[in-house]
N, C-alpha and C. Protein backbone atom coordinates (compact mmCIF):
# COMPACT_ATOMS: atom_id res chain seq x y z
N MET A 1 -156.05 91.03 40.21
CA MET A 1 -157.13 91.15 41.17
C MET A 1 -157.80 89.80 41.32
N GLY A 2 -157.92 89.28 42.54
CA GLY A 2 -158.55 87.99 42.77
C GLY A 2 -160.06 88.07 42.61
N ILE A 3 -160.67 86.93 42.34
CA ILE A 3 -162.12 86.88 42.12
C ILE A 3 -162.89 87.31 43.36
N GLN A 4 -162.43 86.93 44.55
CA GLN A 4 -163.13 87.33 45.78
C GLN A 4 -163.10 88.84 45.95
N ARG A 5 -161.96 89.43 45.64
CA ARG A 5 -161.84 90.88 45.76
C ARG A 5 -162.76 91.57 44.75
N PHE A 6 -162.81 91.03 43.54
CA PHE A 6 -163.67 91.57 42.50
C PHE A 6 -165.14 91.47 42.90
N LEU A 7 -165.56 90.30 43.39
CA LEU A 7 -166.95 90.13 43.80
C LEU A 7 -167.29 91.01 44.99
N GLY A 8 -166.36 91.16 45.91
CA GLY A 8 -166.60 92.01 47.07
C GLY A 8 -166.83 93.46 46.66
N ALA A 9 -166.03 93.93 45.71
CA ALA A 9 -166.19 95.30 45.22
C ALA A 9 -167.53 95.45 44.51
N GLY A 10 -167.91 94.46 43.72
CA GLY A 10 -169.20 94.51 43.02
C GLY A 10 -170.36 94.53 43.99
N ALA A 11 -170.28 93.75 45.05
CA ALA A 11 -171.35 93.72 46.04
C ALA A 11 -171.48 95.07 46.74
N ALA A 12 -170.35 95.71 47.02
CA ALA A 12 -170.39 97.02 47.67
C ALA A 12 -171.04 98.06 46.76
N VAL A 13 -170.70 98.03 45.48
CA VAL A 13 -171.30 98.97 44.54
C VAL A 13 -172.79 98.72 44.43
N LEU A 14 -173.20 97.46 44.33
CA LEU A 14 -174.61 97.11 44.24
C LEU A 14 -175.36 97.60 45.48
N ALA A 15 -174.80 97.39 46.65
CA ALA A 15 -175.46 97.84 47.88
C ALA A 15 -175.62 99.35 47.89
N MET A 16 -174.63 100.09 47.38
CA MET A 16 -174.74 101.54 47.34
C MET A 16 -175.82 101.97 46.37
N LEU A 17 -175.94 101.27 45.25
CA LEU A 17 -176.97 101.61 44.28
C LEU A 17 -178.36 101.35 44.85
N VAL A 18 -178.50 100.25 45.56
CA VAL A 18 -179.80 99.91 46.14
C VAL A 18 -180.15 100.89 47.25
N ALA A 19 -179.18 101.22 48.10
CA ALA A 19 -179.46 102.07 49.25
C ALA A 19 -179.53 103.54 48.89
N GLY A 20 -179.00 103.93 47.75
CA GLY A 20 -179.09 105.31 47.31
C GLY A 20 -177.88 106.13 47.68
N PRO A 21 -177.94 107.43 47.38
CA PRO A 21 -176.79 108.29 47.57
C PRO A 21 -176.36 108.43 49.02
N ALA A 22 -177.27 108.25 49.96
CA ALA A 22 -176.90 108.38 51.37
C ALA A 22 -175.94 107.28 51.80
N ALA A 23 -175.83 106.22 51.00
CA ALA A 23 -174.96 105.11 51.36
C ALA A 23 -173.49 105.41 51.07
N GLU A 24 -173.22 106.54 50.44
CA GLU A 24 -171.84 106.90 50.17
C GLU A 24 -171.17 107.27 51.48
N GLY A 25 -170.03 106.71 51.73
CA GLY A 25 -169.32 107.01 52.95
C GLY A 25 -168.05 106.18 53.02
N ALA A 26 -167.42 106.22 54.16
CA ALA A 26 -166.18 105.50 54.34
C ALA A 26 -166.43 103.99 54.23
N LYS A 27 -165.54 103.33 53.52
CA LYS A 27 -165.64 101.88 53.37
C LYS A 27 -165.04 101.22 54.60
N TRP A 28 -165.68 100.18 55.09
CA TRP A 28 -165.16 99.42 56.22
C TRP A 28 -164.51 98.16 55.69
N SER A 29 -163.28 97.93 56.05
CA SER A 29 -162.58 96.72 55.63
C SER A 29 -163.10 95.53 56.44
N ARG A 30 -162.85 94.36 55.93
CA ARG A 30 -163.26 93.15 56.66
C ARG A 30 -162.58 93.10 58.02
N LYS A 31 -161.32 93.53 58.07
CA LYS A 31 -160.59 93.55 59.34
C LYS A 31 -161.28 94.48 60.33
N TYR A 32 -161.67 95.68 59.86
CA TYR A 32 -162.35 96.64 60.73
C TYR A 32 -163.65 96.03 61.26
N ILE A 33 -164.41 95.40 60.38
CA ILE A 33 -165.69 94.80 60.79
C ILE A 33 -165.46 93.67 61.79
N ARG A 34 -164.44 92.85 61.57
CA ARG A 34 -164.14 91.76 62.52
C ARG A 34 -163.82 92.30 63.90
N GLN A 35 -163.24 93.50 63.96
CA GLN A 35 -162.83 94.08 65.25
C GLN A 35 -163.96 94.83 65.95
N LEU A 36 -165.09 95.01 65.29
CA LEU A 36 -166.20 95.72 65.91
C LEU A 36 -166.78 94.90 67.06
N PRO A 37 -167.30 95.57 68.08
CA PRO A 37 -167.96 94.83 69.16
C PRO A 37 -169.30 94.28 68.68
N ASP A 38 -169.80 93.28 69.37
CA ASP A 38 -171.09 92.68 68.99
C ASP A 38 -172.20 93.73 68.94
N SER A 39 -172.12 94.75 69.76
CA SER A 39 -173.16 95.78 69.81
C SER A 39 -173.24 96.60 68.52
N ALA A 40 -172.28 96.45 67.62
CA ALA A 40 -172.28 97.20 66.36
C ALA A 40 -173.18 96.56 65.32
N PHE A 41 -173.73 95.39 65.59
CA PHE A 41 -174.49 94.61 64.62
C PHE A 41 -175.98 94.58 64.97
N ALA A 42 -176.80 94.43 63.93
CA ALA A 42 -178.25 94.38 64.14
C ALA A 42 -178.68 93.06 64.75
N SER A 43 -177.95 92.00 64.50
CA SER A 43 -178.33 90.68 65.01
C SER A 43 -177.09 89.80 65.13
N ILE A 44 -177.11 88.94 66.13
CA ILE A 44 -176.06 87.94 66.28
C ILE A 44 -176.76 86.61 66.49
N GLU A 45 -176.44 85.68 65.63
CA GLU A 45 -176.99 84.33 65.75
C GLU A 45 -175.86 83.40 66.18
N ILE A 46 -176.22 82.35 66.87
CA ILE A 46 -175.25 81.37 67.34
C ILE A 46 -175.57 80.04 66.65
N THR A 47 -174.56 79.46 66.02
CA THR A 47 -174.76 78.16 65.36
C THR A 47 -174.81 77.07 66.43
N PRO A 48 -175.31 75.88 66.08
CA PRO A 48 -175.30 74.77 67.04
C PRO A 48 -173.89 74.47 67.56
N GLY A 49 -172.88 74.75 66.77
CA GLY A 49 -171.50 74.54 67.20
C GLY A 49 -170.94 75.66 68.04
N GLY A 50 -171.73 76.72 68.28
CA GLY A 50 -171.31 77.82 69.13
C GLY A 50 -170.66 78.99 68.41
N LYS A 51 -170.61 78.94 67.07
CA LYS A 51 -170.01 80.03 66.31
C LYS A 51 -170.99 81.20 66.22
N LYS A 52 -170.45 82.43 66.39
CA LYS A 52 -171.26 83.63 66.26
C LYS A 52 -171.38 84.03 64.80
N LEU A 53 -172.59 84.34 64.38
CA LEU A 53 -172.84 84.90 63.05
C LEU A 53 -173.36 86.31 63.27
N ARG A 54 -172.50 87.30 63.04
CA ARG A 54 -172.87 88.70 63.29
C ARG A 54 -173.33 89.30 61.96
N HIS A 55 -174.55 89.86 61.98
CA HIS A 55 -175.16 90.37 60.77
C HIS A 55 -175.38 91.88 60.82
N LEU A 56 -175.13 92.53 59.70
CA LEU A 56 -175.54 93.90 59.43
C LEU A 56 -174.92 94.94 60.37
N PRO A 57 -173.61 95.16 60.25
CA PRO A 57 -172.96 96.19 61.09
C PRO A 57 -173.45 97.58 60.70
N HIS A 58 -173.71 98.40 61.72
CA HIS A 58 -174.19 99.76 61.46
C HIS A 58 -173.76 100.77 62.53
N HIS A 59 -172.96 100.32 63.48
CA HIS A 59 -172.34 101.22 64.47
C HIS A 59 -170.83 101.14 64.27
N ASP A 60 -170.14 102.25 64.43
CA ASP A 60 -168.68 102.24 64.27
C ASP A 60 -168.02 101.69 65.53
N SER A 61 -166.70 101.68 65.55
CA SER A 61 -165.97 101.08 66.67
C SER A 61 -166.15 101.84 67.98
N GLN A 62 -166.60 103.11 67.91
CA GLN A 62 -166.87 103.88 69.12
C GLN A 62 -168.34 103.75 69.56
N GLY A 63 -169.12 103.01 68.81
CA GLY A 63 -170.53 102.82 69.16
C GLY A 63 -171.47 103.83 68.52
N ASN A 64 -170.94 104.71 67.69
CA ASN A 64 -171.78 105.71 67.02
C ASN A 64 -172.51 105.10 65.84
N LEU A 65 -173.75 105.51 65.65
CA LEU A 65 -174.52 105.07 64.50
C LEU A 65 -173.87 105.61 63.24
N ASP A 66 -173.65 104.76 62.26
CA ASP A 66 -173.08 105.16 60.98
C ASP A 66 -174.21 105.10 59.95
N ILE A 67 -174.69 106.26 59.52
CA ILE A 67 -175.88 106.32 58.67
C ILE A 67 -175.69 105.60 57.33
N PRO A 68 -174.57 105.79 56.63
CA PRO A 68 -174.42 105.03 55.38
C PRO A 68 -174.47 103.52 55.59
N HIS A 69 -173.90 103.04 56.69
CA HIS A 69 -173.93 101.60 56.94
C HIS A 69 -175.31 101.16 57.45
N LEU A 70 -176.04 102.04 58.09
CA LEU A 70 -177.43 101.75 58.45
C LEU A 70 -178.25 101.55 57.17
N CYS A 71 -178.09 102.45 56.23
CA CYS A 71 -178.81 102.34 54.95
C CYS A 71 -178.44 101.05 54.23
N ASN A 72 -177.17 100.73 54.25
CA ASN A 72 -176.70 99.50 53.61
C ASN A 72 -177.30 98.28 54.31
N ALA A 73 -177.32 98.30 55.64
CA ALA A 73 -177.88 97.17 56.39
C ALA A 73 -179.36 96.97 56.05
N LEU A 74 -180.10 98.06 55.97
CA LEU A 74 -181.52 97.96 55.60
C LEU A 74 -181.68 97.38 54.20
N ALA A 75 -180.82 97.80 53.28
CA ALA A 75 -180.90 97.31 51.90
C ALA A 75 -180.54 95.83 51.81
N ARG A 76 -179.71 95.35 52.71
CA ARG A 76 -179.25 93.96 52.65
C ARG A 76 -180.03 92.99 53.53
N LEU A 77 -181.01 93.47 54.25
CA LEU A 77 -181.78 92.60 55.16
C LEU A 77 -182.24 91.30 54.50
N THR A 78 -182.77 91.38 53.31
CA THR A 78 -183.31 90.20 52.65
C THR A 78 -182.22 89.31 52.06
N GLN A 79 -180.99 89.77 52.04
CA GLN A 79 -179.89 88.98 51.49
C GLN A 79 -179.21 88.09 52.53
N VAL A 80 -179.50 88.33 53.80
CA VAL A 80 -178.87 87.56 54.87
C VAL A 80 -179.48 86.17 54.92
N LYS A 81 -178.65 85.17 55.12
CA LYS A 81 -179.12 83.79 55.30
C LYS A 81 -179.35 83.59 56.79
N TRP A 82 -180.56 83.85 57.23
CA TRP A 82 -180.91 83.80 58.64
C TRP A 82 -181.07 82.36 59.10
N ARG A 83 -180.57 82.08 60.29
CA ARG A 83 -180.76 80.75 60.89
C ARG A 83 -182.17 80.66 61.48
N GLY A 84 -182.69 81.79 61.93
CA GLY A 84 -184.03 81.82 62.48
C GLY A 84 -184.79 83.03 61.98
N PRO A 85 -186.00 82.84 61.47
CA PRO A 85 -186.77 83.97 60.93
C PRO A 85 -187.06 85.05 61.97
N ASP A 86 -187.16 84.68 63.23
CA ASP A 86 -187.39 85.68 64.27
C ASP A 86 -186.22 86.65 64.37
N ASN A 87 -185.03 86.17 64.09
CA ASN A 87 -183.85 87.04 64.14
C ASN A 87 -183.90 88.10 63.04
N ALA A 88 -184.43 87.74 61.89
CA ALA A 88 -184.57 88.70 60.80
C ALA A 88 -185.53 89.82 61.20
N GLU A 89 -186.62 89.46 61.82
CA GLU A 89 -187.60 90.45 62.25
C GLU A 89 -187.03 91.35 63.35
N THR A 90 -186.30 90.77 64.28
CA THR A 90 -185.67 91.56 65.34
C THR A 90 -184.67 92.55 64.76
N ALA A 91 -183.87 92.09 63.80
CA ALA A 91 -182.89 92.97 63.15
C ALA A 91 -183.60 94.09 62.39
N ARG A 92 -184.67 93.76 61.68
CA ARG A 92 -185.42 94.77 60.93
C ARG A 92 -185.96 95.84 61.86
N ARG A 93 -186.57 95.42 62.96
CA ARG A 93 -187.11 96.38 63.93
C ARG A 93 -186.00 97.27 64.50
N HIS A 94 -184.87 96.67 64.83
CA HIS A 94 -183.74 97.42 65.38
C HIS A 94 -183.27 98.49 64.39
N LEU A 95 -183.09 98.10 63.13
CA LEU A 95 -182.63 99.04 62.12
C LEU A 95 -183.68 100.12 61.83
N GLU A 96 -184.95 99.73 61.80
CA GLU A 96 -186.04 100.69 61.56
C GLU A 96 -186.13 101.71 62.69
N GLU A 97 -185.85 101.30 63.92
CA GLU A 97 -185.85 102.24 65.05
C GLU A 97 -184.76 103.29 64.86
N HIS A 98 -183.58 102.86 64.43
CA HIS A 98 -182.51 103.82 64.14
C HIS A 98 -182.93 104.76 63.02
N LEU A 99 -183.53 104.21 61.98
CA LEU A 99 -183.95 105.03 60.85
C LEU A 99 -184.99 106.07 61.28
N ALA A 100 -185.88 105.69 62.15
CA ALA A 100 -186.88 106.63 62.66
C ALA A 100 -186.21 107.76 63.45
N GLN A 101 -185.13 107.44 64.15
CA GLN A 101 -184.41 108.46 64.92
C GLN A 101 -183.73 109.49 64.03
N VAL A 102 -183.13 109.02 62.93
CA VAL A 102 -182.36 109.93 62.08
C VAL A 102 -183.18 110.50 60.93
N GLY A 103 -184.30 109.89 60.62
CA GLY A 103 -185.15 110.34 59.53
C GLY A 103 -184.99 109.49 58.29
N ARG A 104 -186.10 109.13 57.73
CA ARG A 104 -186.11 108.23 56.56
C ARG A 104 -185.42 108.84 55.35
N LYS A 105 -185.35 110.17 55.28
CA LYS A 105 -184.75 110.83 54.12
C LYS A 105 -183.30 110.40 53.90
N HIS A 106 -182.64 109.94 54.95
CA HIS A 106 -181.23 109.55 54.83
C HIS A 106 -181.03 108.28 54.01
N CYS A 107 -182.04 107.45 53.92
CA CYS A 107 -181.89 106.17 53.22
C CYS A 107 -182.87 106.05 52.07
N ARG A 108 -183.28 107.15 51.54
CA ARG A 108 -184.22 107.14 50.42
C ARG A 108 -183.56 106.48 49.21
N PRO A 109 -184.23 105.52 48.59
CA PRO A 109 -183.65 104.90 47.39
C PRO A 109 -183.61 105.88 46.22
N THR A 110 -182.69 105.65 45.32
CA THR A 110 -182.59 106.50 44.15
C THR A 110 -183.72 106.16 43.21
N PRO A 111 -184.26 107.17 42.49
CA PRO A 111 -185.33 106.89 41.53
C PRO A 111 -184.81 105.97 40.42
N LYS A 112 -185.66 105.03 40.00
CA LYS A 112 -185.28 104.09 38.96
C LYS A 112 -186.00 104.45 37.68
N SER A 113 -185.29 104.37 36.59
CA SER A 113 -185.90 104.64 35.29
C SER A 113 -186.57 103.37 34.79
N HIS A 114 -187.78 103.50 34.35
CA HIS A 114 -188.52 102.34 33.83
C HIS A 114 -188.63 102.39 32.32
N GLY A 115 -187.88 103.27 31.70
CA GLY A 115 -187.90 103.37 30.25
C GLY A 115 -189.15 104.02 29.70
N ASN A 116 -189.89 104.73 30.58
CA ASN A 116 -191.12 105.39 30.17
C ASN A 116 -190.92 106.89 30.05
N ALA A 117 -189.82 107.31 29.50
CA ALA A 117 -189.55 108.75 29.39
C ALA A 117 -190.59 109.40 28.49
N ARG A 118 -191.08 110.54 28.93
CA ARG A 118 -192.13 111.25 28.17
C ARG A 118 -191.54 112.36 27.37
């Protein structure tokens, strides 16, 4: 198993733990994500060289909202290296609007133990 594959799997597990049980769902391969239309992402930034940076996919290839990936996108918002802070806020608002439509219960974080068992 290559190191990139290992790290990718670890990042996926971490995102599911952060986003909670609702994040369980079909895994999207990098190839699948590359083939998604721009409308599947919360934000698209353009580098000075003209390269597209597509962030936080949460719609499937048919344009349907994918709730587990919405939860994952919300959990990863602060991990994105944004070129412009305004883009982060626009993406957050976009994702929060979807969450309001489907209900916050879908992305509720899992309770964390603080070692204070009574």
